[in-house]
Amino acid sequence: MNSRAKRLILPVGGALAAATMIGATLPATAQASTADPDIKSSALTPSGNAKAIAGYWTASKLKSASTYTADSTVSAKLTKTGAAKAAADGKPGVVAPTGEGGKSAGKSRNVNLPITVGKVFFVDDKGKERWCSGSAVQSKFRNLVATAAHCVYDTDTNKPFSNFVFIPGYYQGKAPWGIYVGAKVNTHDDFTVYEDYDYDYAFVNVYNGIKQAGVKEVTAPTYAATKGHKYTEDKEISKSEYELGIEKYGESGPYWKKTLDPKVETVGKPADAQKYIEEYVKDGRNGVKLTAVEVVESVYKAAPDNLENNAKFTRFSDDKGKVAISQEEYKQLLKDKSEGNFLGKLEATKDANGNEIAWFKTRYFIKKWVKTSVKEVYYYTRFFVILLTDAGRLGDNVGGQGFSWNQKLGKKVFTFGYPTSAHLDGNKPYSGHTPKWCYGTTVAAPVVAAYKAEEHQAIKCAFTPGASGGPFLLQYKNAKRTGYLNGVVSLTIDSDGNKRYDRVTTPYFNGETYGIYKHAANLWTGKLPA
């Protein structure tokens, strides 16, 4: 089915927030299309901000970022009637890969892991650090990354995600070949406008890589003027050291500061309710702050009545009046009270036959005494900036996978990525910090109508979400660690309903896909500012 025919389908409301999808099966047919693709090119980061974006992704942020996953799950059974074969819209074609001899991301069960594969990181519309998988692909200026469109473009806000970077060969928070900041993302307009997952692929042009060259301590003015990544360290010092610093640098000197550190001292214990109240009457208006503490009924009754500042008070079921609670809550509170975890009073009213018909709880509070003191704390503050250097072009450092389109189904492919989430049954076999691989034969994938995924192909693979955007590689050469990009992981599927993921799918790469790839492969991102 070509893109223009599918535009008659109304888009699903809301954006997919992940690669995970298990959908129902519906029959569909595929039609050839030789029309020019509709290319959507969107700017990501100006070159002047690239170093700041690279500096943003510290090792701690890389490790704490979470994978981009969805919440909904259903089964998508692989059946002949429920699968629409993806059809070529012209002759098959390939673009040769470029390797980088001698460099490897390591071995996994006798398979050489390609250094072209890594993670893409970005910040979503909620401000959270997220990641997917991706791969370097061959291009004229050796500056191109392939990933899933939903890992770059937010159809909810109708704009790309922010702070997008690609880290080839990513391993446990490390960026061995640098961080490559996204400059421009190229997608099919049917994804960005119609949320059509038959076009869930993106080709991202990136700037030259940026590597950390060291850390330099600077003065406060230099630190304030630095736009890149930077940080401070505070060390507590004595008052005499502080005074020496003031003598050397003056009150506004760049390295010294004084703060007030409040210390709260608790006076007495909840059992001393009578003492609290007596002290309140005596000294309650002389700077001592009162805070409420919950007590048992007997302590509450022992405290004097008619004091100022609501020195003792009760709370009922809804903090407004004596409103009944449920029988289930009443039974749980009885249990809590027997274990010392509920201090209040429980009551039940009965009808004429002695049956309980309503249940109530009451909680008791008096004022707890605390005194606040302030201590002067002195610090020596040091200012640091991260030194970054131009690491060169992506393709020169790690090579680039080839590209293929209009290929027949039934071919053997590898797929690589960083799966991390648990299976639907809770089993979690992957960490997401190291690359993994699958190998299988492409078949027609189940139709997932909710995402208009009618022309996907799939392979058997136990990847869990996190592998989104990772490459399908045709004719992968283990010695050279190169092949031909034949897809990107889009959906992760439990095909037999046993709560374990067993298939990954990709949009079928046809002539339209090649058109967008070709456009992106000829774009220059320019040089990074010095």
Protein backbone atom coordinates (compact mmCIF):
# COMPACT_ATOMS: atom_id res chain seq x y z
CA MET A 1 0.00 0.00 0.00
CA ASN A 2 1.58 3.31 -0.98
CA SER A 3 1.71 6.34 1.25
CA ARG A 4 -0.90 8.38 -0.59
CA ALA A 5 -3.48 5.60 -0.44
CA LYS A 6 -3.00 5.26 3.29
CA ARG A 7 -3.54 8.97 3.89
CA LEU A 8 -7.25 8.36 3.64
CA ILE A 9 -6.97 6.70 7.07
CA LEU A 10 -7.48 9.12 9.93
CA PRO A 11 -4.50 9.32 12.30
CA VAL A 12 -4.70 7.69 15.71
CA GLY A 13 -5.00 10.26 18.49
CA GLY A 14 -1.86 10.60 20.63
CA ALA A 15 1.71 9.65 19.90
CA LEU A 16 3.37 6.30 20.46
CA ALA A 17 5.83 6.73 23.28
CA ALA A 18 7.79 3.59 22.51
CA ALA A 19 8.92 0.73 20.36
CA THR A 20 6.82 -1.77 22.25
CA MET A 21 3.59 -2.76 20.52
CA ILE A 22 1.53 -5.87 20.45
CA GLY A 23 -1.51 -5.39 18.20
CA ALA A 24 -4.43 -7.22 16.65
CA THR A 25 -4.14 -8.81 13.21
CA LEU A 26 -6.03 -7.63 10.15
CA PRO A 27 -5.56 -8.56 6.50
CA ALA A 28 -4.20 -6.00 4.08
CA THR A 29 -2.69 -5.80 0.62
CA ALA A 30 0.43 -4.10 -0.67
CA GLN A 31 0.61 -2.03 -3.82
CA ALA A 32 3.61 -0.76 -5.73
CA SER A 33 4.54 2.91 -5.63
CA THR A 34 7.20 4.66 -7.63
CA ALA A 35 6.23 8.20 -6.64
CA ASP A 36 8.81 10.49 -5.08
CA PRO A 37 8.77 10.27 -1.28
CA ASP A 38 7.52 13.11 0.86
CA ILE A 39 10.58 14.12 2.86
CA LYS A 40 10.24 15.87 6.20
CA SER A 41 13.54 17.50 7.22
CA SER A 42 13.68 19.08 10.67
CA ALA A 43 16.54 20.96 12.32
CA LEU A 44 17.81 19.53 15.61
CA THR A 45 20.73 21.53 17.08
CA PRO A 46 22.58 24.58 15.68
CA SER A 47 26.32 23.95 15.30
CA GLY A 48 27.09 26.62 17.90
CA ASN A 49 25.24 24.60 20.55
CA ALA A 50 26.70 21.20 19.65
CA LYS A 51 29.46 21.18 22.27
CA ALA A 52 27.04 22.24 24.99
CA ILE A 53 24.66 19.39 24.04
CA ALA A 54 27.55 16.90 24.02
CA GLY A 55 28.64 18.18 27.43
CA TYR A 56 25.10 17.79 28.73
CA TRP A 57 25.34 14.00 28.34
CA THR A 58 27.63 13.21 31.25
CA ALA A 59 28.38 9.60 32.14
CA SER A 60 25.87 9.76 34.99
CA LYS A 61 23.10 11.01 32.67
CA LEU A 62 23.89 8.33 30.12
CA LYS A 63 23.59 5.63 32.77
CA SER A 64 20.43 7.02 34.38
CA ALA A 65 18.51 7.66 31.13
CA SER A 66 15.60 5.28 30.56
CA THR A 67 14.54 3.49 27.41
CA TYR A 68 11.61 4.79 25.41
CA THR A 69 8.75 2.31 25.95
CA ALA A 70 4.97 2.11 25.71
CA ASP A 71 2.41 1.06 28.31
CA SER A 72 -0.18 -0.90 26.26
CA THR A 73 0.28 -4.56 25.29
CA VAL A 74 -1.86 -7.06 23.31
CA SER A 75 -1.05 -10.14 21.25
CA ALA A 76 -0.28 -10.05 17.53
CA LYS A 77 -0.43 -13.57 16.13
CA LEU A 78 1.56 -14.46 13.02
CA THR A 79 -0.99 -15.82 10.52
CA LYS A 80 -1.18 -15.76 6.75
CA THR A 81 -4.50 -13.93 6.80
CA GLY A 82 -3.29 -11.46 9.38
CA ALA A 83 -0.10 -10.46 7.60
CA ALA A 84 0.23 -8.11 4.63
CA LYS A 85 3.30 -8.82 2.54
CA ALA A 86 5.47 -5.79 2.01
CA ALA A 87 5.91 -5.30 -1.73
CA ALA A 88 8.72 -3.79 -3.71
CA ASP A 89 7.88 -0.68 -5.70
CA GLY A 90 10.75 -1.08 -8.16
CA LYS A 91 14.01 -2.91 -8.70
CA PRO A 92 16.11 -3.91 -5.68
CA GLY A 93 19.24 -1.90 -4.98
CA VAL A 94 22.18 -1.59 -2.61
CA VAL A 95 24.74 1.00 -1.49
CA ALA A 96 28.04 -0.52 -0.38
CA PRO A 97 29.16 -0.19 3.28
CA THR A 98 32.44 1.22 4.55
CA GLY A 99 34.26 -0.60 7.33
CA GLU A 100 36.81 0.47 9.90
CA GLY A 101 39.35 -2.33 10.05
CA GLY A 102 40.68 -3.43 13.40
CA LYS A 103 38.00 -1.75 15.48
CA SER A 104 35.41 -3.85 17.23
CA ALA A 105 32.84 -3.46 19.98
CA GLY A 106 33.80 -6.94 21.22
CA LYS A 107 32.42 -10.42 20.66
CA SER A 108 29.17 -12.01 21.74
CA ARG A 109 28.87 -15.78 21.21
CA ASN A 110 31.32 -15.72 18.28
CA VAL A 111 29.64 -12.74 16.61
CA ASN A 112 31.77 -9.62 16.18
CA LEU A 113 29.71 -6.67 17.39
CA PRO A 114 29.86 -3.72 14.98
CA ILE A 115 31.10 -0.38 16.34
CA THR A 116 28.63 1.32 13.99
CA VAL A 117 25.82 0.30 16.38
CA GLY A 118 25.19 2.40 19.46
CA LYS A 119 22.60 4.34 21.36
CA VAL A 120 20.72 7.51 20.48
CA PHE A 121 19.94 9.70 23.49
CA PHE A 122 17.40 12.53 23.69
CA VAL A 123 15.20 14.47 26.12
CA ASP A 124 11.47 13.89 25.73
CA ASP A 125 8.67 16.45 26.04
CA LYS A 126 8.45 15.74 29.79
CA GLY A 127 12.12 16.68 30.28
CA LYS A 128 13.24 13.08 30.88
CA GLU A 129 16.45 11.61 29.47
CA ARG A 130 15.61 8.73 27.13
CA TRP A 131 17.38 6.42 24.69
CA CYS A 132 16.92 4.03 21.77
CA SER A 133 19.31 2.10 19.54
CA GLY A 134 20.78 3.26 16.22
CA SER A 135 23.53 2.71 13.67
CA ALA A 136 25.95 4.66 11.50
CA VAL A 137 25.14 4.24 7.80
CA GLN A 138 27.13 5.07 4.68
CA SER A 139 26.78 8.63 3.32
CA LYS A 140 28.70 11.09 1.15
CA PHE A 141 29.93 13.14 4.12
CA ARG A 142 30.11 10.19 6.55
CA ASN A 143 27.69 11.86 8.93
CA LEU A 144 24.52 9.74 8.91
CA VAL A 145 22.70 7.70 11.58
CA ALA A 146 19.69 5.43 11.03
CA THR A 147 17.16 4.85 13.81
CA ALA A 148 13.39 4.59 14.34
CA ALA A 149 11.44 7.78 13.61
CA HIS A 150 9.65 7.54 16.97
CA CYS A 151 13.09 7.81 18.65
CA VAL A 152 13.67 11.24 17.08
CA TYR A 153 10.34 12.85 16.28
CA ASP A 154 7.53 13.48 18.79
CA THR A 155 4.19 13.32 16.99
CA ASP A 156 2.49 14.61 20.15
CA THR A 157 4.24 17.99 19.97
CA ASN A 158 4.87 17.76 16.21
CA LYS A 159 8.56 18.48 16.54
CA PRO A 160 11.80 16.56 17.15
CA PHE A 161 12.98 15.66 20.63
CA SER A 162 15.71 17.86 22.11
CA ASN A 163 19.37 17.19 22.98
CA PHE A 164 19.64 14.36 20.43
CA VAL A 165 23.02 12.59 20.25
CA PHE A 166 24.37 9.32 18.89
CA ILE A 167 27.07 7.32 20.68
CA PRO A 168 28.52 4.49 18.56
CA GLY A 169 29.95 1.52 20.43
CA TYR A 170 28.22 2.68 23.63
CA TYR A 171 29.19 0.53 26.60
CA GLN A 172 28.16 1.11 30.22
CA GLY A 173 28.17 4.91 30.11
CA LYS A 174 31.26 5.20 27.92
CA ALA A 175 31.57 6.93 24.52
CA PRO A 176 34.78 5.40 23.10
CA TRP A 177 34.46 7.07 19.67
CA GLY A 178 32.88 10.32 20.78
CA ILE A 179 29.43 11.87 21.03
CA TYR A 180 27.76 12.91 17.76
CA VAL A 181 25.17 15.66 18.11
CA GLY A 182 22.18 15.59 15.76
CA ALA A 183 21.99 18.43 13.20
CA LYS A 184 19.00 17.44 11.06
CA VAL A 185 16.50 14.58 11.03
CA ASN A 186 14.97 13.31 7.77
CA THR A 187 11.75 11.30 7.94
CA HIS A 188 8.80 10.41 5.75
CA ASP A 189 5.98 12.91 6.08
CA ASP A 190 3.49 10.09 6.60
CA PHE A 191 5.09 9.37 9.95
CA THR A 192 5.28 12.96 11.17
CA VAL A 193 1.75 13.86 9.99
CA TYR A 194 -0.20 10.61 10.02
CA GLU A 195 1.75 8.63 12.66
CA ASP A 196 2.05 5.80 10.13
CA TYR A 197 4.47 3.16 11.42
CA ASP A 198 5.05 1.78 7.93
CA TYR A 199 7.39 4.81 7.80
CA ASP A 200 8.88 4.48 11.29
CA TYR A 201 12.45 5.18 10.18
CA ALA A 202 14.66 8.25 10.35
CA PHE A 203 18.02 9.29 8.95
CA VAL A 204 19.83 11.79 11.15
CA ASN A 205 22.72 13.93 9.99
CA VAL A 206 25.20 14.50 12.82
CA TYR A 207 28.06 16.90 13.40
CA ASN A 208 31.64 15.76 13.89
CA GLY A 209 32.13 13.78 17.06
CA ILE A 210 33.01 15.49 20.32
CA LYS A 211 35.26 13.86 22.90
CA GLN A 212 36.23 14.94 26.39
CA ALA A 213 39.85 16.09 26.41
CA GLY A 214 40.15 16.79 30.11
CA VAL A 215 38.96 19.05 32.92
CA LYS A 216 40.31 22.50 33.74
CA GLU A 217 39.91 24.50 36.93
CA VAL A 218 39.03 28.15 36.24
CA THR A 219 38.06 31.33 38.05
CA ALA A 220 34.45 32.22 38.80
CA PRO A 221 34.20 34.83 35.98
CA THR A 222 35.58 32.36 33.43
CA TYR A 223 33.22 29.72 34.72
CA ALA A 224 30.22 32.05 34.39
CA ALA A 225 31.20 32.94 30.81
CA THR A 226 31.66 29.30 29.72
CA LYS A 227 28.74 27.98 27.66
CA GLY A 228 29.80 24.33 27.62
CA HIS A 229 29.51 21.71 30.33
CA LYS A 230 30.86 22.76 33.70
CA TYR A 231 30.50 22.02 37.39
CA THR A 232 31.52 23.21 40.84
CA GLU A 233 32.79 21.47 43.94
CA ASP A 234 32.25 22.80 47.47
CA LYS A 235 34.53 21.84 50.33
CA GLU A 236 33.62 22.78 53.90
CA ILE A 237 36.42 24.71 55.63
CA SER A 238 37.04 26.28 59.03
CA LYS A 239 36.20 29.84 59.92
CA SER A 240 39.91 30.74 60.07
CA GLU A 241 40.48 29.36 56.55
CA TYR A 242 37.51 31.35 55.35
CA GLU A 243 38.86 34.54 56.92
CA LEU A 244 42.23 33.99 55.25
CA GLY A 245 40.44 33.64 51.92
CA ILE A 246 38.50 36.85 52.50
CA GLU A 247 41.75 38.64 53.33
CA LYS A 248 43.30 37.37 50.08
CA TYR A 249 40.35 37.77 47.68
CA GLY A 250 37.99 40.21 49.38
CA GLU A 251 34.33 39.75 50.27
CA SER A 252 33.41 39.17 46.63
CA GLY A 253 36.38 36.90 45.93
CA PRO A 254 35.59 34.08 43.52
CA TYR A 255 36.35 31.11 45.72
CA TRP A 256 34.87 31.70 49.16
CA LYS A 257 31.36 31.70 50.49
CA LYS A 258 29.46 31.48 53.76
CA THR A 259 26.05 29.89 54.25
CA LEU A 260 23.66 29.42 57.13
CA ASP A 261 22.97 25.79 57.95
CA PRO A 262 19.75 25.43 60.02
CA LYS A 263 19.78 22.73 62.68
CA VAL A 264 16.50 21.50 64.15
CA GLU A 265 16.57 20.19 67.72
CA THR A 266 13.67 18.11 69.02
CA VAL A 267 12.78 18.69 72.67
CA GLY A 268 11.03 15.84 74.49
CA LYS A 269 9.14 12.79 73.20
CA PRO A 270 5.50 12.21 72.22
CA ALA A 271 4.86 10.55 75.59
CA ASP A 272 5.73 13.85 77.31
CA ALA A 273 2.48 15.48 76.21
CA GLN A 274 1.79 17.10 79.59
CA LYS A 275 5.31 18.59 79.59
CA TYR A 276 4.84 19.95 76.06
CA ILE A 277 1.61 21.67 77.01
CA GLU A 278 3.03 23.09 80.23
CA GLU A 279 6.03 24.47 78.36
CA TYR A 280 3.72 25.88 75.73
CA VAL A 281 1.82 27.84 78.37
CA LYS A 282 5.12 29.00 79.86
CA ASP A 283 7.28 29.71 76.80
CA GLY A 284 5.10 29.14 73.74
CA ARG A 285 5.34 32.70 72.56
CA ASN A 286 9.13 33.01 72.99
CA GLY A 287 10.47 31.73 69.66
CA VAL A 288 9.82 28.01 70.03
CA LYS A 289 8.10 26.49 67.02
CA LEU A 290 5.30 23.97 67.60
CA THR A 291 4.57 21.09 65.25
CA ALA A 292 1.77 18.56 65.49
CA VAL A 293 2.53 15.01 66.57
CA GLU A 294 0.08 12.10 66.65
CA VAL A 295 -0.54 10.45 70.05
CA VAL A 296 -2.83 7.85 71.60
CA GLU A 297 -6.18 8.86 73.09
CA SER A 298 -5.00 8.68 76.73
CA VAL A 299 -2.11 11.09 76.10
CA TYR A 300 -4.42 13.42 74.22
CA LYS A 301 -6.92 13.48 77.11
CA ALA A 302 -4.14 14.15 79.63
CA ALA A 303 -3.16 17.37 77.85
CA PRO A 304 -4.84 20.57 79.10
CA ASP A 305 -7.79 21.96 77.16
CA ASN A 306 -8.58 25.50 75.98
CA LEU A 307 -5.02 26.50 75.07
CA GLU A 308 -3.94 28.89 72.34
CA ASN A 309 -2.71 27.93 68.84
CA ASN A 310 -4.84 24.78 68.66
CA ALA A 311 -2.42 22.98 70.95
CA LYS A 312 -4.47 19.75 70.82
CA PHE A 313 -6.90 18.59 68.18
CA THR A 314 -8.51 15.54 66.60
CA ARG A 315 -8.97 14.40 63.03
CA PHE A 316 -11.73 12.14 61.82
CA SER A 317 -12.18 9.97 58.75
CA ASP A 318 -11.97 12.80 56.24
CA ASP A 319 -10.31 15.48 58.41
CA LYS A 320 -13.55 17.49 58.30
CA GLY A 321 -16.08 15.57 60.34
CA LYS A 322 -16.97 12.17 61.70
CA VAL A 323 -17.66 10.43 58.39
CA ALA A 324 -17.86 6.64 58.15
CA ILE A 325 -15.04 4.62 56.64
CA SER A 326 -15.37 1.33 54.77
CA GLN A 327 -15.53 -1.98 56.58
CA GLU A 328 -12.35 -3.07 54.75
CA GLU A 329 -10.42 -0.02 55.99
CA TYR A 330 -11.82 -0.59 59.50
CA LYS A 331 -10.59 -4.21 59.52
CA GLN A 332 -7.16 -3.19 58.26
CA LEU A 333 -6.88 -0.48 60.93
CA LEU A 334 -7.80 -3.00 63.62
CA LYS A 335 -4.89 -5.11 62.45
CA ASP A 336 -2.60 -2.06 62.32
CA LYS A 337 -3.62 -1.07 65.83
CA SER A 338 -2.84 -4.54 67.19
CA GLU A 339 0.65 -4.19 65.70
CA GLY A 340 1.18 -0.68 67.04
CA ASN A 341 0.92 0.98 63.64
CA PHE A 342 -2.29 2.93 64.30
CA LEU A 343 -2.60 5.19 67.35
CA GLY A 344 -6.16 6.39 66.91
CA LYS A 345 -9.57 5.15 68.12
CA LEU A 346 -11.87 2.82 66.17
CA GLU A 347 -15.63 2.64 66.67
CA ALA A 348 -18.48 0.69 65.09
CA THR A 349 -22.23 1.41 65.37
CA LYS A 350 -24.76 -1.42 65.38
CA ASP A 351 -28.40 -1.84 64.42
CA ALA A 352 -31.14 -3.23 66.67
CA ASN A 353 -30.04 -6.77 65.90
CA GLY A 354 -26.44 -6.13 66.92
CA ASN A 355 -25.06 -6.06 63.39
CA GLU A 356 -22.33 -3.53 62.64
CA ILE A 357 -23.62 -0.99 60.12
CA ALA A 358 -21.07 1.87 60.20
CA TRP A 359 -17.42 2.24 61.07
CA PHE A 360 -15.40 5.28 62.24
CA LYS A 361 -11.84 6.29 63.09
CA THR A 362 -10.51 9.17 65.17
CA ARG A 363 -6.88 10.37 65.31
CA TYR A 364 -5.42 12.52 68.13
CA PHE A 365 -2.79 15.24 67.91
CA ILE A 366 -0.94 17.60 70.19
CA LYS A 367 1.85 20.06 69.52
CA LYS A 368 5.38 18.69 69.48
CA TRP A 369 8.13 21.05 70.54
CA VAL A 370 11.13 21.78 68.33
CA LYS A 371 13.78 24.47 68.57
CA THR A 372 15.63 25.81 65.52
CA SER A 373 19.25 26.90 65.71
CA VAL A 374 21.46 28.26 62.91
CA LYS A 375 25.09 27.37 62.35
CA GLU A 376 27.47 29.28 60.09
CA VAL A 377 29.15 27.00 57.55
CA TYR A 378 32.12 28.11 55.42
CA TYR A 379 33.01 26.73 52.00
CA TYR A 380 35.83 26.86 49.49
CA THR A 381 34.25 26.61 46.01
CA ARG A 382 36.21 25.34 43.02
CA PHE A 383 35.08 25.90 39.41
CA PHE A 384 35.70 23.42 36.60
CA VAL A 385 34.96 23.33 32.87
CA ILE A 386 35.01 20.23 30.67
CA LEU A 387 37.46 20.53 27.76
CA LEU A 388 36.02 19.11 24.54
CA THR A 389 37.75 18.37 21.26
CA ASP A 390 36.63 17.64 17.70
CA ALA A 391 36.80 13.86 17.20
CA GLY A 392 36.22 13.92 13.43
CA ARG A 393 33.52 12.48 11.21
CA LEU A 394 31.38 9.56 12.30
CA GLY A 395 32.06 7.44 9.23
CA ASP A 396 35.81 8.03 9.43
CA ASN A 397 35.85 6.77 13.01
CA VAL A 398 33.49 3.80 12.93
CA GLY A 399 32.61 3.24 9.27
CA GLY A 400 29.06 3.02 7.96
CA GLN A 401 26.68 0.17 7.13
CA GLY A 402 25.50 -0.17 3.53
CA PHE A 403 21.91 0.40 2.48
CA SER A 404 19.45 -1.86 0.64
CA TRP A 405 15.88 -1.52 -0.57
CA ASN A 406 13.17 -3.51 -2.38
CA GLN A 407 14.66 -6.78 -1.10
CA LYS A 408 12.59 -9.98 -1.05
CA LEU A 409 11.35 -11.51 2.19
CA GLY A 410 12.84 -14.79 3.35
CA LYS A 411 16.41 -13.50 3.68
CA LYS A 412 18.74 -14.03 6.62
CA VAL A 413 19.49 -10.88 8.62
CA PHE A 414 21.19 -9.85 11.85
CA THR A 415 19.70 -7.23 14.10
CA PHE A 416 21.65 -5.42 16.82
CA GLY A 417 20.51 -3.23 19.69
CA TYR A 418 20.36 -2.56 23.42
CA PRO A 419 17.29 -4.38 24.81
CA THR A 420 16.59 -3.57 28.45
CA SER A 421 12.94 -3.83 29.53
CA ALA A 422 11.40 -6.91 31.10
CA HIS A 423 9.26 -9.39 29.23
CA LEU A 424 5.51 -9.12 29.82
CA ASP A 425 5.79 -11.87 32.46
CA GLY A 426 8.32 -9.80 34.44
CA ASN A 427 11.48 -11.68 33.42
CA LYS A 428 14.32 -9.23 32.65
CA PRO A 429 17.22 -10.88 30.81
CA TYR A 430 18.96 -7.70 29.53
CA SER A 431 20.57 -4.69 31.21
CA GLY A 432 20.52 -2.24 28.31
CA HIS A 433 24.16 -1.26 28.93
CA THR A 434 25.71 -3.64 26.37
CA PRO A 435 24.82 -4.45 22.72
CA LYS A 436 23.06 -7.72 21.84
CA TRP A 437 22.15 -9.46 18.56
CA CYS A 438 19.55 -11.69 16.92
CA TYR A 439 19.69 -13.67 13.69
CA GLY A 440 16.71 -14.82 11.68
CA THR A 441 14.79 -15.03 8.41
CA THR A 442 12.51 -12.15 7.43
CA VAL A 443 8.79 -12.91 7.13
CA ALA A 444 5.68 -10.78 6.78
CA ALA A 445 4.86 -9.28 10.17
CA PRO A 446 1.37 -9.19 11.71
CA VAL A 447 -0.71 -6.13 10.91
CA VAL A 448 -0.89 -3.70 13.84
CA ALA A 449 -3.86 -1.59 12.83
CA ALA A 450 -3.60 0.87 15.73
CA TYR A 451 -0.29 2.10 14.31
CA LYS A 452 -1.09 1.53 10.64
CA ALA A 453 1.77 -1.00 10.54
CA GLU A 454 0.59 -2.92 7.48
CA GLU A 455 3.86 -3.48 5.59
CA HIS A 456 6.34 -4.61 8.25
CA GLN A 457 8.68 -7.57 8.12
CA ALA A 458 9.75 -9.52 11.21
CA ILE A 459 12.30 -12.00 12.47
CA LYS A 460 12.28 -14.31 15.46
CA CYS A 461 14.02 -12.47 18.29
CA ALA A 462 13.67 -12.35 22.06
CA PHE A 463 14.69 -8.68 22.28
CA THR A 464 12.71 -6.65 24.77
CA PRO A 465 12.07 -2.89 24.34
CA GLY A 466 15.26 -0.82 24.18
CA ALA A 467 16.35 -2.28 20.85
CA SER A 468 14.11 0.25 19.06
CA GLY A 469 15.96 1.83 16.16
CA GLY A 470 18.63 -0.89 15.99
CA PRO A 471 19.58 -2.04 12.47
CA PHE A 472 18.40 -5.03 10.43
CA LEU A 473 21.58 -5.96 8.51
CA LEU A 474 21.49 -8.06 5.37
CA GLN A 475 24.62 -10.03 4.31
CA TYR A 476 26.45 -9.15 7.53
CA LYS A 477 30.17 -10.01 7.26
CA ASN A 478 31.43 -11.09 10.65
CA ALA A 479 35.09 -10.36 9.86
CA LYS A 480 34.44 -6.86 8.57
CA ARG A 481 31.44 -6.17 10.84
CA THR A 482 29.48 -4.66 7.94
CA GLY A 483 26.32 -5.44 6.02
CA TYR A 484 23.43 -3.69 4.31
CA LEU A 485 20.83 -1.80 6.32
CA ASN A 486 17.53 -3.48 5.49
CA GLY A 487 15.38 -2.05 8.29
CA VAL A 488 15.30 -0.59 11.80
CA VAL A 489 13.58 -2.13 14.81
CA SER A 490 10.17 -0.52 15.17
CA LEU A 491 7.85 -2.85 17.13
CA THR A 492 8.53 -5.55 19.71
CA ILE A 493 5.95 -8.34 19.64
CA ASP A 494 4.66 -11.25 21.67
CA SER A 495 3.30 -13.29 18.75
CA ASP A 496 1.82 -16.24 20.66
CA GLY A 497 0.42 -14.54 23.77
CA ASN A 498 2.73 -16.28 26.26
CA LYS A 499 3.93 -13.00 27.84
CA ARG A 500 7.38 -13.25 26.23
CA TYR A 501 8.55 -11.09 23.35
CA ASP A 502 9.55 -13.28 20.40
CA ARG A 503 9.58 -11.04 17.30
CA VAL A 504 10.94 -7.66 16.29
CA THR A 505 9.62 -5.86 13.21
CA THR A 506 10.81 -3.18 10.81
CA PRO A 507 9.08 -1.10 8.16
CA TYR A 508 9.77 -2.52 4.71
CA PHE A 509 12.51 -0.49 3.00
CA ASN A 510 11.23 0.32 -0.51
CA GLY A 511 11.94 2.97 -3.14
CA GLU A 512 10.43 5.72 -0.99
CA THR A 513 12.76 4.77 1.85
CA TYR A 514 15.71 4.90 -0.51
CA GLY A 515 14.62 8.36 -1.68
CA ILE A 516 14.73 9.72 1.88
CA TYR A 517 18.01 7.94 2.61
CA LYS A 518 19.56 9.34 -0.60
CA HIS A 519 18.46 12.86 0.30
CA ALA A 520 19.95 12.56 3.79
CA ALA A 521 23.12 10.86 2.55
CA ASN A 522 24.01 13.93 0.50
CA LEU A 523 23.55 16.57 3.21
CA TRP A 524 26.57 18.29 4.76
CA THR A 525 26.32 19.39 8.36
CA GLY A 526 29.17 21.91 8.27
CA LYS A 527 32.08 22.31 10.65
CA LEU A 528 31.89 22.73 14.40
CA PRO A 529 32.86 26.20 15.68
CA ALA A 530 36.33 26.35 17.23
